[in-house]
Protein backbone atom coordinates (compact mmCIF):
# COMPACT_ATOMS: atom_id res chain seq x y z
CA MET A 1 -9.42 -217.30 43.64
CA SER A 2 -6.48 -215.52 45.13
CA LYS A 3 -5.88 -211.80 44.51
CA LYS A 4 -3.26 -210.88 42.13
CA LYS A 5 -0.05 -209.88 44.03
CA GLU A 6 0.98 -206.31 42.38
CA ILE A 7 3.24 -204.87 45.26
CA THR A 8 6.98 -205.54 45.03
CA ILE A 9 9.14 -205.13 48.34
CA ASN A 10 12.94 -204.89 48.06
CA THR A 11 14.85 -206.02 50.72
CA ARG A 12 19.05 -205.82 51.25
CA VAL A 13 20.51 -208.61 52.99
CA ASP A 14 24.25 -209.60 53.13
CA GLU A 15 25.54 -213.19 51.60
CA THR A 16 25.00 -214.95 54.82
CA ILE A 17 21.47 -214.14 55.28
CA TYR A 18 20.86 -214.41 51.75
CA LYS A 19 22.10 -218.21 51.95
CA GLN A 20 20.24 -218.96 55.42
CA MET A 21 16.80 -217.46 53.51
CA ARG A 22 17.37 -219.68 50.56
CA GLU A 23 18.07 -222.79 52.66
CA LYS A 24 14.89 -222.13 54.35
CA ALA A 25 12.73 -221.31 51.29
CA ALA A 26 14.02 -224.46 49.88
CA THR A 27 13.24 -226.60 52.71
CA TYR A 28 9.90 -225.31 53.65
CA PHE A 29 8.41 -223.39 50.47
CA LYS A 30 9.73 -225.39 47.64
CA GLY A 31 12.31 -222.49 47.02
CA ASN A 32 9.72 -219.77 47.04
CA MET A 33 11.52 -216.65 48.83
CA SER A 34 8.09 -214.57 48.58
CA ALA A 35 6.32 -217.45 50.57
CA LEU A 36 9.01 -217.75 53.13
CA ILE A 37 8.81 -213.84 53.94
CA ARG A 38 5.11 -213.62 53.86
CA CYS A 39 4.85 -216.68 56.11
CA ALA A 40 7.70 -215.15 58.56
CA THR A 41 5.88 -211.81 58.55
CA LEU A 42 2.06 -212.86 59.05
CA LYS A 43 3.21 -215.79 61.54
CA TYR A 44 5.49 -213.75 63.72
CA SER A 45 4.38 -213.61 67.27
CA GLU A 46 7.14 -211.93 69.12
CA GLU A 47 6.44 -208.84 71.50
CA ALA A 48 6.08 -205.54 69.60
CA VAL A 49 9.01 -203.39 70.01
CA THR A 50 8.01 -199.84 71.06
CA ALA A 51 9.22 -196.77 69.09
CA GLU A 52 11.03 -195.40 72.19
CA PRO A 53 12.86 -197.11 74.77
CA THR A 54 11.11 -197.25 78.13
CA GLY A 55 11.98 -194.25 80.43
CA THR A 56 12.67 -191.74 77.53
CA ASN A 57 11.35 -188.30 77.89
CA PRO A 58 10.19 -186.72 74.58
CA ARG A 59 10.41 -183.29 76.17
CA LEU A 60 14.07 -183.95 76.96
CA ILE A 61 14.67 -185.10 73.43
CA ALA A 62 12.99 -182.16 71.98
CA LEU A 63 15.16 -179.76 74.15
CA ILE A 64 18.17 -181.28 73.18
CA SER A 65 17.55 -181.29 69.60
CA THR A 66 16.65 -177.53 69.55
CA ALA A 67 19.85 -176.70 71.38
CA ILE A 68 21.84 -178.76 68.95
CA LYS A 69 20.13 -177.16 66.03
CA LYS A 70 20.61 -173.72 67.31
CA LEU A 71 24.34 -174.45 68.05
CA ASP A 72 24.57 -175.56 64.19
CA LYS A 73 23.10 -172.33 63.15
CA ILE A 74 25.33 -170.31 65.12
CA GLY A 75 28.30 -172.26 63.69
CA VAL A 76 27.33 -171.70 60.13
CA ASN A 77 26.37 -168.07 60.78
CA HIS A 78 29.99 -167.82 62.54
CA ASN A 79 31.90 -169.22 59.72
CA GLN A 80 30.13 -167.34 56.89
CA ALA A 81 31.04 -163.93 58.82
CA VAL A 82 34.61 -164.94 59.19
CA LYS A 83 34.66 -165.87 55.46
CA CYS A 84 33.32 -162.63 54.67
CA ILE A 85 36.06 -160.81 56.80
CA ASN A 86 38.81 -162.90 55.27
CA GLU A 87 37.77 -162.21 51.91
CA LYS A 88 37.69 -158.59 52.77
CA MET A 89 40.96 -158.43 54.17
CA LYS A 90 42.51 -160.20 51.09
CA MET A 91 41.38 -157.53 48.96
CA SER A 92 42.23 -154.66 51.24
CA PRO A 93 43.87 -155.46 54.61
CA LEU A 94 43.25 -151.74 55.61
CA ALA A 95 39.42 -151.95 54.91
CA PHE A 96 38.56 -153.66 58.10
CA THR A 97 36.13 -151.77 60.33
CA ALA A 98 34.18 -152.21 63.45
CA ASN A 99 30.90 -152.86 61.28
CA ASP A 100 32.51 -156.01 60.23
CA LEU A 101 32.14 -157.37 63.76
CA LEU A 102 28.79 -156.60 63.98
CA PRO A 103 27.26 -160.09 63.12
CA PHE A 104 29.33 -161.55 66.01
CA SER A 105 27.18 -159.33 68.18
CA GLN A 106 23.99 -160.88 66.97
CA PHE A 107 25.11 -164.52 68.11
CA GLY A 108 24.79 -163.25 71.79
CA GLY A 109 21.11 -163.69 71.76
CA GLU A 110 21.10 -167.17 70.44
CA MET A 111 23.88 -168.11 72.81
CA LYS A 112 21.49 -166.89 75.60
CA ILE A 113 18.64 -169.07 74.33
CA ILE A 114 20.99 -172.02 74.31
CA GLN A 115 22.33 -171.26 77.85
CA ASP A 116 18.86 -171.14 79.04
CA ILE A 117 18.03 -174.63 77.33
CA LEU A 118 20.91 -176.22 78.63
CA ARG A 119 20.20 -174.75 82.33
CA TYR A 120 16.73 -176.10 82.19
CA LEU A 121 17.88 -179.65 80.95
CA TYR A 122 20.52 -179.75 83.77
CA GLU A 123 17.74 -179.17 86.18
CA MET A 124 15.45 -181.79 84.57
CA LEU A 125 18.10 -184.39 84.84
CA LYS A 126 19.24 -183.27 88.51
CA SER A 127 15.51 -183.74 89.79
C-alpha cells in the first residue's frame, strides 16, 4: 500500500516550459505532471553542482561583504547627518554650529577599517 502524498510543491515556469512538461507528461505518464516531476527528480543522475564555484575563497567573499556593509552604513549615517543639518538650516540659517559637523568626524574610524580591509584584500589578490 502506498503512502498518502501530503506535501505540495509549487513551481513557477514560463509558458514554453509548461507546454513541454505537459507534452512529456502526456507521452510518458498519461498526463500526470506529478509523476513526471517525481521521475525526473528521483532518476536524475547528472553531476551535482557545488554551492561555490571552484576556486572561490570564502574569506575573500566575507571580507568584501564586510567592506560593502560598512560602506553602506557610512552612507546611511552620512545621509542622516546631512538631512539633519539641512532641516536645521531651513528653520534658522544662523543656527549652524561646529557641533553640527561632529557626526562627520566619527566616519573617519569606520573609513580606516574599510581602508584596512581593502588593503588586505589587495594583498590577497596580488599574491
